[in-house]
């Protein structure tokens, strides 16, 4: 039983802490300025309660730095979702004003009464992947914005503009063929030239970030890149958002988290399931890109599964959703296998059962691949796990693809994009 629960409402400039006992009686509160000594002040104030637990609202967001400082000091920290704390404040009896002390108290109550609140953990290699994955997404959005601006200016310089996607080299050739006849046209030409240089710079940064992502994923030693259509970009997005697969009891919980599991909306004797728009949309987008890549390559196992669903009478979107669920299960199996290998390596020194040799050998010669493999042979990916019979993968061995990086097809490269609008 927790003796004292300390809820923290973090902000950019200050943090408010409120301590409560198991009966939800306030024991004290403190407001500290966000500075280098913020953790020391909080720890000094909390020395009166040796048996304490900290509950930080949004330990992965605004409260991330403070949560990491408390963890480094050896404290137990819980990560309270902001929605959960808001629900506690909404259902509280009496008129509770919206202010920092009441918010901090709601965070403490939510952590005290909710069994599903998980503990915060220290940053690891998954945090590195999340940082660079976010950088890659941001660059993709910036490129899309710059390309749209360049398209708009070119529409005012040449009739009809440029159809489809545009590259910096293509824009440069178009501008070289235009001779401005007046001041307004010259201004638009100069603006288009600047947009072209900006686009070229973003493309260079995207290439560099992709190389950094590939190196970070290789250092993680994950088997995710053994799945067809899952390259370093998608693998980094998945690992960065999942972090610890142990927080998902089974593949169904993981599918509910990434939005590939349908939602039941039944009433009475009518049983209905509808598309889920909940969950982590970044994970959903990563799974969506892997599914689209498999569908576009006829030799992939995912393409065969997609065609099978179409033959059963499902629409294209329904077949795509079914394939995304299968990929979700395959990703969950890979993450589980990676976690087991990591745990085995930490059990003992080399030569002992804990050195991971057994699991690596088993992974080098799997009985079935999880929706195909992205690289040809176990010599390249010795850690590709064997298929889990419960994961719903198809026991078919099909030709492999030479590259795990998703894209529009062989010989083409698609720039990174923001969050997908598709489910």
Protein backbone atom coordinates (compact mmCIF):
# COMPACT_ATOMS: atom_id res chain seq x y z
CA UNK A 1 0.00 0.00 0.00
CA UNK A 2 1.32 3.40 -0.95
CA UNK A 3 1.89 5.52 2.14
CA UNK A 4 2.02 8.86 0.32
CA UNK A 5 1.22 9.67 -3.29
CA UNK A 6 2.69 12.91 -4.67
CA UNK A 7 0.99 14.21 -7.77
CA UNK A 8 2.77 16.68 -10.02
CA UNK A 9 1.18 19.01 -12.54
CA UNK A 10 4.13 19.96 -14.78
CA UNK A 11 4.38 23.09 -16.89
CA UNK A 12 7.07 24.74 -18.95
CA UNK A 13 7.92 27.38 -16.33
CA UNK A 14 6.85 25.71 -13.07
CA UNK A 15 5.77 22.44 -11.44
CA UNK A 16 3.14 22.05 -8.73
CA UNK A 17 3.25 19.06 -6.37
CA UNK A 18 0.53 17.90 -3.96
CA UNK A 19 0.97 15.01 -1.49
CA UNK A 20 -2.01 12.93 -0.34
CA UNK A 21 -2.39 9.92 1.94
CA UNK A 22 -4.28 6.69 1.06
CA UNK A 23 -7.52 8.39 2.19
CA UNK A 24 -6.91 11.20 -0.36
CA UNK A 25 -6.34 13.72 2.43
CA UNK A 26 -3.90 16.46 1.32
CA UNK A 27 -0.68 16.50 3.32
CA UNK A 28 1.06 19.44 1.67
CA UNK A 29 1.80 21.19 -1.58
CA UNK A 30 4.75 22.91 -3.20
CA UNK A 31 5.29 24.96 -6.33
CA UNK A 32 8.78 25.05 -7.78
CA UNK A 33 10.18 27.02 -10.68
CA UNK A 34 11.43 24.95 -13.61
CA UNK A 35 15.18 25.24 -13.15
CA UNK A 36 18.28 23.14 -12.60
CA UNK A 37 17.43 22.66 -8.91
CA UNK A 38 13.78 21.66 -9.43
CA UNK A 39 14.30 17.99 -8.54
CA UNK A 40 16.42 18.82 -5.50
CA UNK A 41 13.76 21.14 -4.11
CA UNK A 42 11.05 18.56 -4.59
CA UNK A 43 13.10 15.81 -2.99
CA UNK A 44 13.99 18.00 -0.06
CA UNK A 45 10.34 18.87 0.49
CA UNK A 46 9.29 15.20 0.27
CA UNK A 47 11.79 13.93 2.86
CA UNK A 48 9.01 13.99 5.44
CA UNK A 49 7.42 10.99 3.69
CA UNK A 50 10.01 8.22 3.24
CA UNK A 51 7.45 5.83 1.73
CA UNK A 52 6.41 7.91 -1.24
CA UNK A 53 5.53 7.50 -4.89
CA UNK A 54 5.57 10.26 -7.47
CA UNK A 55 2.81 10.59 -10.08
CA UNK A 56 3.74 12.87 -12.98
CA UNK A 57 1.10 13.91 -15.49
CA UNK A 58 2.42 13.23 -18.96
CA UNK A 59 5.81 11.80 -18.02
CA UNK A 60 6.50 11.39 -21.73
CA UNK A 61 5.64 15.00 -22.57
CA UNK A 62 6.08 18.22 -20.60
CA UNK A 63 6.95 16.28 -17.44
CA UNK A 64 9.54 14.09 -19.14
CA UNK A 65 12.64 15.85 -17.86
CA UNK A 66 11.38 16.05 -14.28
CA UNK A 67 10.35 12.39 -14.32
CA UNK A 68 13.79 11.38 -15.58
CA UNK A 69 15.46 13.42 -12.84
CA UNK A 70 13.35 11.75 -10.17
CA UNK A 71 14.12 8.32 -11.62
CA UNK A 72 17.82 9.13 -11.60
CA UNK A 73 17.49 9.94 -7.90
CA UNK A 74 16.12 6.46 -7.24
CA UNK A 75 12.48 7.46 -6.84
CA UNK A 76 9.44 5.48 -7.99
CA UNK A 77 7.57 7.46 -10.65
CA UNK A 78 4.19 6.74 -12.25
CA UNK A 79 3.14 8.11 -15.63
CA UNK A 80 -0.45 9.42 -15.41
CA UNK A 81 -2.20 10.14 -18.72
CA UNK A 82 -3.68 13.67 -18.83
CA UNK A 83 -7.09 12.29 -19.82
CA UNK A 84 -7.20 10.13 -16.70
CA UNK A 85 -6.40 13.06 -14.43
CA UNK A 86 -9.02 15.20 -16.19
CA UNK A 87 -11.60 12.48 -15.65
CA UNK A 88 -10.85 12.41 -11.92
CA UNK A 89 -11.28 16.18 -11.73
CA UNK A 90 -14.55 15.98 -13.67
CA UNK A 91 -16.06 13.31 -11.44
CA UNK A 92 -14.86 14.83 -8.18
CA UNK A 93 -17.56 15.85 -5.73
CA UNK A 94 -18.09 19.53 -5.04
CA UNK A 95 -16.96 22.51 -7.05
CA UNK A 96 -13.29 22.07 -7.81
CA UNK A 97 -11.71 24.97 -9.61
CA UNK A 98 -9.29 24.45 -12.47
CA UNK A 99 -5.91 25.42 -11.04
CA UNK A 100 -2.50 23.83 -10.65
CA UNK A 101 -2.92 22.52 -7.04
CA UNK A 102 -6.25 20.88 -7.90
CA UNK A 103 -4.76 19.45 -11.08
CA UNK A 104 -1.84 17.98 -9.13
CA UNK A 105 -4.24 16.49 -6.59
CA UNK A 106 -6.27 14.91 -9.41
CA UNK A 107 -3.08 13.38 -10.76
CA UNK A 108 -2.30 11.89 -7.35
CA UNK A 109 -5.82 10.50 -6.95
CA UNK A 110 -5.74 8.99 -10.44
CA UNK A 111 -2.44 7.25 -9.71
CA UNK A 112 -3.70 6.06 -6.30
CA UNK A 113 -7.00 4.59 -7.50
CA UNK A 114 -6.21 3.39 -11.04
CA UNK A 115 -4.62 0.00 -11.40
CA UNK A 116 -3.68 0.59 -15.04
CA UNK A 117 -1.24 3.43 -14.42
CA UNK A 118 2.20 2.28 -15.48
CA UNK A 119 5.56 3.16 -14.03
CA UNK A 120 7.81 5.56 -15.85
CA UNK A 121 11.13 4.17 -17.00
CA UNK A 122 14.49 5.66 -17.78
CA UNK A 123 15.47 6.61 -21.31
CA UNK A 124 17.06 3.83 -23.34
CA UNK A 125 17.95 3.18 -26.97
CA UNK A 126 14.27 3.26 -27.89
CA UNK A 127 14.25 6.94 -26.90
CA UNK A 128 17.05 7.54 -29.44
CA UNK A 129 14.95 5.94 -32.16
CA UNK A 130 11.94 8.03 -31.16
CA UNK A 131 13.96 11.25 -31.38
CA UNK A 132 15.22 10.56 -34.90
CA UNK A 133 11.90 9.15 -36.03
CA UNK A 134 10.21 12.40 -35.03
CA UNK A 135 12.91 14.34 -36.84
CA UNK A 136 12.25 12.31 -39.98
CA UNK A 137 8.50 12.96 -39.77
CA UNK A 138 9.04 16.68 -39.24
CA UNK A 139 11.32 16.86 -42.26
CA UNK A 140 8.70 15.02 -44.30
CA UNK A 141 6.05 17.56 -43.35
CA UNK A 142 8.44 20.42 -44.12
CA UNK A 143 9.19 18.95 -47.54
CA UNK A 144 5.51 18.55 -48.34
CA UNK A 145 4.87 22.15 -47.34
CA UNK A 146 7.77 23.45 -49.40
CA UNK A 147 6.77 21.39 -52.44
CA UNK A 148 3.21 22.75 -52.24
CA UNK A 149 4.51 26.31 -52.13
CA UNK A 150 6.76 25.64 -55.11
CA UNK A 151 3.85 24.15 -57.05
CA UNK A 152 1.76 27.24 -56.36
CA UNK A 153 4.43 29.65 -57.61
CA UNK A 154 5.12 27.56 -60.73
CA UNK A 155 1.40 27.64 -61.56
CA UNK A 156 1.76 31.41 -61.86
CA UNK A 157 4.82 31.10 -64.11
CA UNK A 158 3.86 28.34 -66.55
CA UNK A 159 0.39 27.29 -67.73
CA UNK A 160 -0.89 24.28 -65.81
CA UNK A 161 2.08 24.20 -63.47
CA UNK A 162 3.79 20.86 -62.82
CA UNK A 163 1.76 17.65 -62.60
CA UNK A 164 2.50 15.20 -59.79
CA UNK A 165 5.42 15.32 -57.39
CA UNK A 166 8.23 17.74 -58.02
CA UNK A 167 11.93 17.55 -57.28
CA UNK A 168 14.52 20.26 -56.89
CA UNK A 169 16.26 19.23 -60.11
CA UNK A 170 13.02 19.30 -62.07
CA UNK A 171 12.14 22.74 -60.72
CA UNK A 172 15.61 24.02 -61.57
CA UNK A 173 15.29 22.88 -65.18
CA UNK A 174 11.87 24.52 -65.49
CA UNK A 175 13.17 27.81 -64.11
CA UNK A 176 16.14 27.71 -66.48
CA UNK A 177 13.70 27.65 -69.42
CA UNK A 178 11.74 30.70 -68.20
CA UNK A 179 12.79 34.27 -69.01
CA UNK A 180 10.89 36.77 -66.85
CA UNK A 181 9.32 39.52 -68.96
CA UNK A 182 8.29 41.91 -66.20
CA UNK A 183 8.99 42.81 -62.60
CA UNK A 184 6.16 40.72 -61.13
CA UNK A 185 7.17 37.66 -63.09
CA UNK A 186 10.80 38.21 -62.09
CA UNK A 187 9.81 38.34 -58.43
CA UNK A 188 7.90 35.09 -58.76
CA UNK A 189 10.86 33.51 -60.56
CA UNK A 190 13.20 34.52 -57.76
CA UNK A 191 10.77 33.18 -55.14
CA UNK A 192 10.52 29.86 -56.98
CA UNK A 193 14.32 29.70 -57.11
CA UNK A 194 14.51 30.18 -53.33
CA UNK A 195 11.88 27.49 -52.78
CA UNK A 196 13.91 25.18 -55.00
CA UNK A 197 17.04 25.72 -52.90
CA UNK A 198 15.05 25.17 -49.72
CA UNK A 199 13.65 21.94 -51.16
CA UNK A 200 17.14 20.74 -52.07
CA UNK A 201 18.34 21.45 -48.55
CA UNK A 202 15.43 19.55 -46.99
CA UNK A 203 16.08 16.59 -49.27
CA UNK A 204 19.71 16.51 -48.12
CA UNK A 205 18.68 16.57 -44.48
CA UNK A 206 16.16 13.79 -45.10
CA UNK A 207 18.86 11.59 -46.62
CA UNK A 208 21.17 12.25 -43.69
CA UNK A 209 18.44 11.54 -41.16
CA UNK A 210 17.58 8.30 -42.92
CA UNK A 211 21.21 7.20 -42.62
CA UNK A 212 21.20 8.08 -38.93
CA UNK A 213 17.98 6.12 -38.46
CA UNK A 214 19.41 3.09 -40.24
CA UNK A 215 22.49 3.12 -38.00
CA UNK A 216 20.38 3.47 -34.86
CA UNK A 217 18.07 0.62 -35.88
CA UNK A 218 21.07 -1.59 -36.66
CA UNK A 219 22.48 -0.84 -33.21
CA UNK A 220 19.15 -1.90 -31.66
CA UNK A 221 19.54 -5.39 -33.13
CA UNK A 222 15.84 -5.70 -33.84
CA UNK A 223 14.30 -8.40 -36.02
CA UNK A 224 11.57 -6.05 -37.25
CA UNK A 225 13.49 -5.31 -40.44
CA UNK A 226 13.09 -8.99 -41.33
CA UNK A 227 9.43 -8.34 -42.04
CA UNK A 228 8.59 -7.53 -45.64
CA UNK A 229 8.02 -3.80 -46.07
CA UNK A 230 9.51 -2.83 -42.72
CA UNK A 231 12.67 -0.82 -43.16
CA UNK A 232 14.66 1.35 -40.72
CA UNK A 233 12.15 4.21 -40.84
CA UNK A 234 9.15 2.06 -39.92
CA UNK A 235 11.13 -0.01 -37.41
CA UNK A 236 12.31 3.14 -35.63
CA UNK A 237 8.76 4.51 -35.48
CA UNK A 238 7.45 1.24 -34.00
CA UNK A 239 10.19 0.73 -31.43
CA UNK A 240 10.22 4.39 -30.43
CA UNK A 241 6.49 4.41 -29.65
CA UNK A 242 6.23 0.91 -28.16
CA UNK A 243 9.45 1.03 -26.11
CA UNK A 244 8.60 -1.92 -23.83
CA UNK A 245 6.42 -4.58 -25.42
CA UNK A 246 5.85 -6.12 -21.99
CA UNK A 247 3.19 -3.49 -21.30
CA UNK A 248 0.94 -5.32 -23.77
CA UNK A 249 -0.38 -8.61 -22.32
CA UNK A 250 -1.08 -10.09 -25.75
CA UNK A 251 -1.35 -9.29 -29.43
CA UNK A 252 -4.97 -8.18 -29.06
CA UNK A 253 -4.00 -5.42 -26.65
CA UNK A 254 -1.25 -4.36 -29.02
CA UNK A 255 -3.72 -4.24 -31.93
CA UNK A 256 -6.09 -2.15 -29.83
CA UNK A 257 -3.23 0.24 -29.07
CA UNK A 258 -2.29 0.75 -32.73
CA UNK A 259 -5.89 0.92 -33.98
CA UNK A 260 -5.91 -2.24 -36.12
CA UNK A 261 -8.45 -4.02 -33.91
CA UNK A 262 -12.12 -3.27 -34.68
CA UNK A 263 -14.40 -1.74 -32.07
CA UNK A 264 -17.59 -3.50 -31.06
CA UNK A 265 -20.72 -1.33 -31.21
CA UNK A 266 -23.30 -4.06 -30.61
CA UNK A 267 -26.70 -3.55 -29.08
CA UNK A 268 -29.10 -6.29 -28.06
CA UNK A 269 -28.96 -9.18 -30.49
CA UNK A 270 -27.24 -7.12 -33.17
CA UNK A 271 -23.48 -7.70 -33.23
CA UNK A 272 -21.55 -5.02 -35.11
CA UNK A 273 -17.90 -4.03 -35.26
CA UNK A 274 -16.68 -0.82 -36.80
CA UNK A 275 -13.34 0.67 -37.78
CA UNK A 276 -11.24 1.90 -34.88
CA UNK A 277 -9.89 5.42 -35.09
CA UNK A 278 -8.43 5.23 -31.62
CA UNK A 279 -4.95 4.31 -30.54
CA UNK A 280 -1.54 5.51 -31.58
CA UNK A 281 -1.88 6.89 -35.09
CA UNK A 282 1.88 6.89 -35.67
CA UNK A 283 1.93 3.13 -35.12
CA UNK A 284 -1.11 2.77 -37.33
CA UNK A 285 0.56 4.78 -40.10
CA UNK A 286 3.72 2.64 -39.87
CA UNK A 287 1.65 -0.55 -40.19
CA UNK A 288 -0.33 1.01 -43.04
CA UNK A 289 2.85 1.78 -45.01
CA UNK A 290 4.11 -1.79 -44.52
CA UNK A 291 0.75 -3.15 -45.72
CA UNK A 292 0.72 -0.92 -48.82
CA UNK A 293 4.26 -2.03 -49.66
CA UNK A 294 3.30 -5.71 -49.41
CA UNK A 295 0.22 -5.21 -51.58
CA UNK A 296 2.25 -3.51 -54.31
CA UNK A 297 4.72 -6.40 -54.59
CA UNK A 298 3.15 -9.52 -56.02
CA UNK A 299 5.80 -11.87 -54.63
CA UNK A 300 5.08 -10.84 -51.04
CA UNK A 301 3.03 -12.98 -48.71
CA UNK A 302 0.93 -9.96 -47.79
CA UNK A 303 -0.14 -9.55 -51.42
CA UNK A 304 -1.38 -13.15 -51.49
CA UNK A 305 -3.30 -12.60 -48.27
CA UNK A 306 -4.83 -9.41 -49.66
CA UNK A 307 -5.95 -11.18 -52.83
CA UNK A 308 -7.41 -13.98 -50.73
CA UNK A 309 -9.57 -11.53 -48.80
CA UNK A 310 -10.73 -9.92 -52.03
CA UNK A 311 -11.72 -13.34 -53.34
CA UNK A 312 -13.78 -13.87 -50.18
CA UNK A 313 -15.90 -10.87 -51.15
CA UNK A 314 -14.30 -8.17 -49.02
CA UNK A 315 -13.80 -4.67 -50.38
CA UNK A 316 -10.34 -3.25 -50.94
CA UNK A 317 -10.43 -1.28 -47.71
CA UNK A 318 -11.69 -4.26 -45.72
CA UNK A 319 -8.94 -6.47 -47.14
CA UNK A 320 -6.36 -3.80 -46.31
CA UNK A 321 -7.60 -3.62 -42.72
CA UNK A 322 -7.40 -7.39 -42.40
CA UNK A 323 -3.81 -7.33 -43.70
CA UNK A 324 -2.89 -4.54 -41.27
CA UNK A 325 -4.10 -6.68 -38.38
CA UNK A 326 -1.94 -9.58 -39.57
CA UNK A 327 1.08 -7.28 -39.80
CA UNK A 328 0.31 -5.97 -36.31
CA UNK A 329 0.40 -9.52 -34.98
CA UNK A 330 3.68 -10.19 -36.82
CA UNK A 331 5.25 -7.03 -35.40
CA UNK A 332 4.13 -7.99 -31.90
CA UNK A 333 5.73 -11.44 -32.32
CA UNK A 334 9.01 -9.82 -33.44
CA UNK A 335 9.02 -7.41 -30.50
CA UNK A 336 8.34 -10.28 -28.11
CA UNK A 337 11.20 -12.29 -29.60
CA UNK A 338 13.54 -9.30 -29.35
CA UNK A 339 12.60 -8.80 -25.70
CA UNK A 340 13.21 -12.47 -24.93
CA UNK A 341 16.63 -12.41 -26.57
CA UNK A 342 17.56 -9.25 -24.69
CA UNK A 343 16.48 -10.83 -21.40
CA UNK A 344 18.44 -14.00 -22.19
CA UNK A 345 21.61 -12.03 -22.89
CA UNK A 346 21.35 -10.30 -19.53
CA UNK A 347 21.02 -13.52 -17.53
CA UNK A 348 24.62 -14.58 -17.64
CA UNK A 349 28.06 -14.19 -19.25
CA UNK A 350 29.02 -15.61 -22.63
CA UNK A 351 28.95 -19.36 -22.90
CA UNK A 352 26.07 -19.65 -20.48
CA UNK A 353 22.42 -20.05 -21.49
CA UNK A 354 22.02 -16.31 -21.02
CA UNK A 355 24.32 -15.31 -23.88
CA UNK A 356 21.49 -15.48 -26.40
CA UNK A 357 23.12 -18.19 -28.50
CA UNK A 358 20.15 -20.48 -28.30
CA UNK A 359 17.65 -17.87 -29.30
CA UNK A 360 19.86 -16.64 -32.12
CA UNK A 361 20.21 -20.14 -33.52
CA UNK A 362 16.50 -20.66 -33.38
CA UNK A 363 15.93 -17.35 -35.08
CA UNK A 364 18.43 -18.09 -37.84
CA UNK A 365 16.41 -20.97 -39.25
CA UNK A 366 12.75 -20.19 -38.66
CA UNK A 367 10.12 -22.62 -39.80
CA UNK A 368 7.93 -19.89 -41.24
CA UNK A 369 8.58 -16.27 -42.05
CA UNK A 370 6.24 -13.60 -40.75
CA UNK A 371 4.72 -12.25 -43.95
CA UNK A 372 7.91 -12.71 -45.92
CA UNK A 373 11.36 -11.38 -45.26
CA UNK A 374 12.92 -8.17 -46.42
CA UNK A 375 16.42 -9.49 -47.04
CA UNK A 376 17.58 -12.73 -48.68
CA UNK A 377 18.86 -15.14 -46.10
CA UNK A 378 19.73 -15.66 -42.45
CA UNK A 379 23.29 -14.43 -42.97
CA UNK A 380 21.98 -10.88 -43.26
CA UNK A 381 19.32 -11.08 -40.56
CA UNK A 382 20.32 -13.84 -38.10
CA UNK A 383 17.79 -12.67 -35.55
CA UNK A 384 14.61 -13.03 -37.61
CA UNK A 385 12.28 -14.92 -35.25
CA UNK A 386 10.31 -18.00 -36.01
CA UNK A 387 6.65 -17.41 -36.64
CA UNK A 388 4.37 -17.70 -33.69
CA UNK A 389 1.51 -20.09 -34.54
CA UNK A 390 -0.78 -17.87 -32.51
CA UNK A 391 0.19 -14.76 -34.46
CA UNK A 392 -2.00 -15.62 -37.40
CA UNK A 393 0.80 -15.62 -39.98
CA UNK A 394 0.49 -17.69 -43.12
CA UNK A 395 2.75 -20.77 -43.36
CA UNK A 396 3.94 -19.95 -46.85
CA UNK A 397 7.50 -19.25 -47.98
CA UNK A 398 7.66 -16.73 -50.80
CA UNK A 399 10.49 -14.92 -52.61
CA UNK A 400 12.07 -12.14 -50.63
CA UNK A 401 12.43 -8.47 -51.40
CA UNK A 402 15.86 -6.94 -51.66
CA UNK A 403 15.06 -3.88 -49.62
CA UNK A 404 12.97 -3.43 -46.49
CA UNK A 405 12.42 0.27 -47.07
CA UNK A 406 8.78 0.97 -47.98
CA UNK A 407 8.11 2.93 -51.11
CA UNK A 408 5.87 3.26 -54.12
CA UNK A 409 7.64 0.50 -56.01
CA UNK A 410 10.93 -0.57 -57.54
CA UNK A 411 12.98 2.27 -58.92
CA UNK A 412 10.91 4.97 -57.25
CA UNK A 413 11.43 6.88 -54.06
CA UNK A 414 8.67 8.48 -52.08
CA UNK A 415 9.47 11.38 -49.74
CA UNK A 416 8.41 10.92 -46.14
CA UNK A 417 5.02 12.20 -45.25
CA UNK A 418 3.10 13.20 -42.16
CA UNK A 419 0.41 11.23 -40.42
CA UNK A 420 -1.71 9.22 -42.80
CA UNK A 421 -5.34 10.11 -43.25
CA UNK A 422 -6.15 6.53 -43.93
CA UNK A 423 -7.22 4.26 -41.05
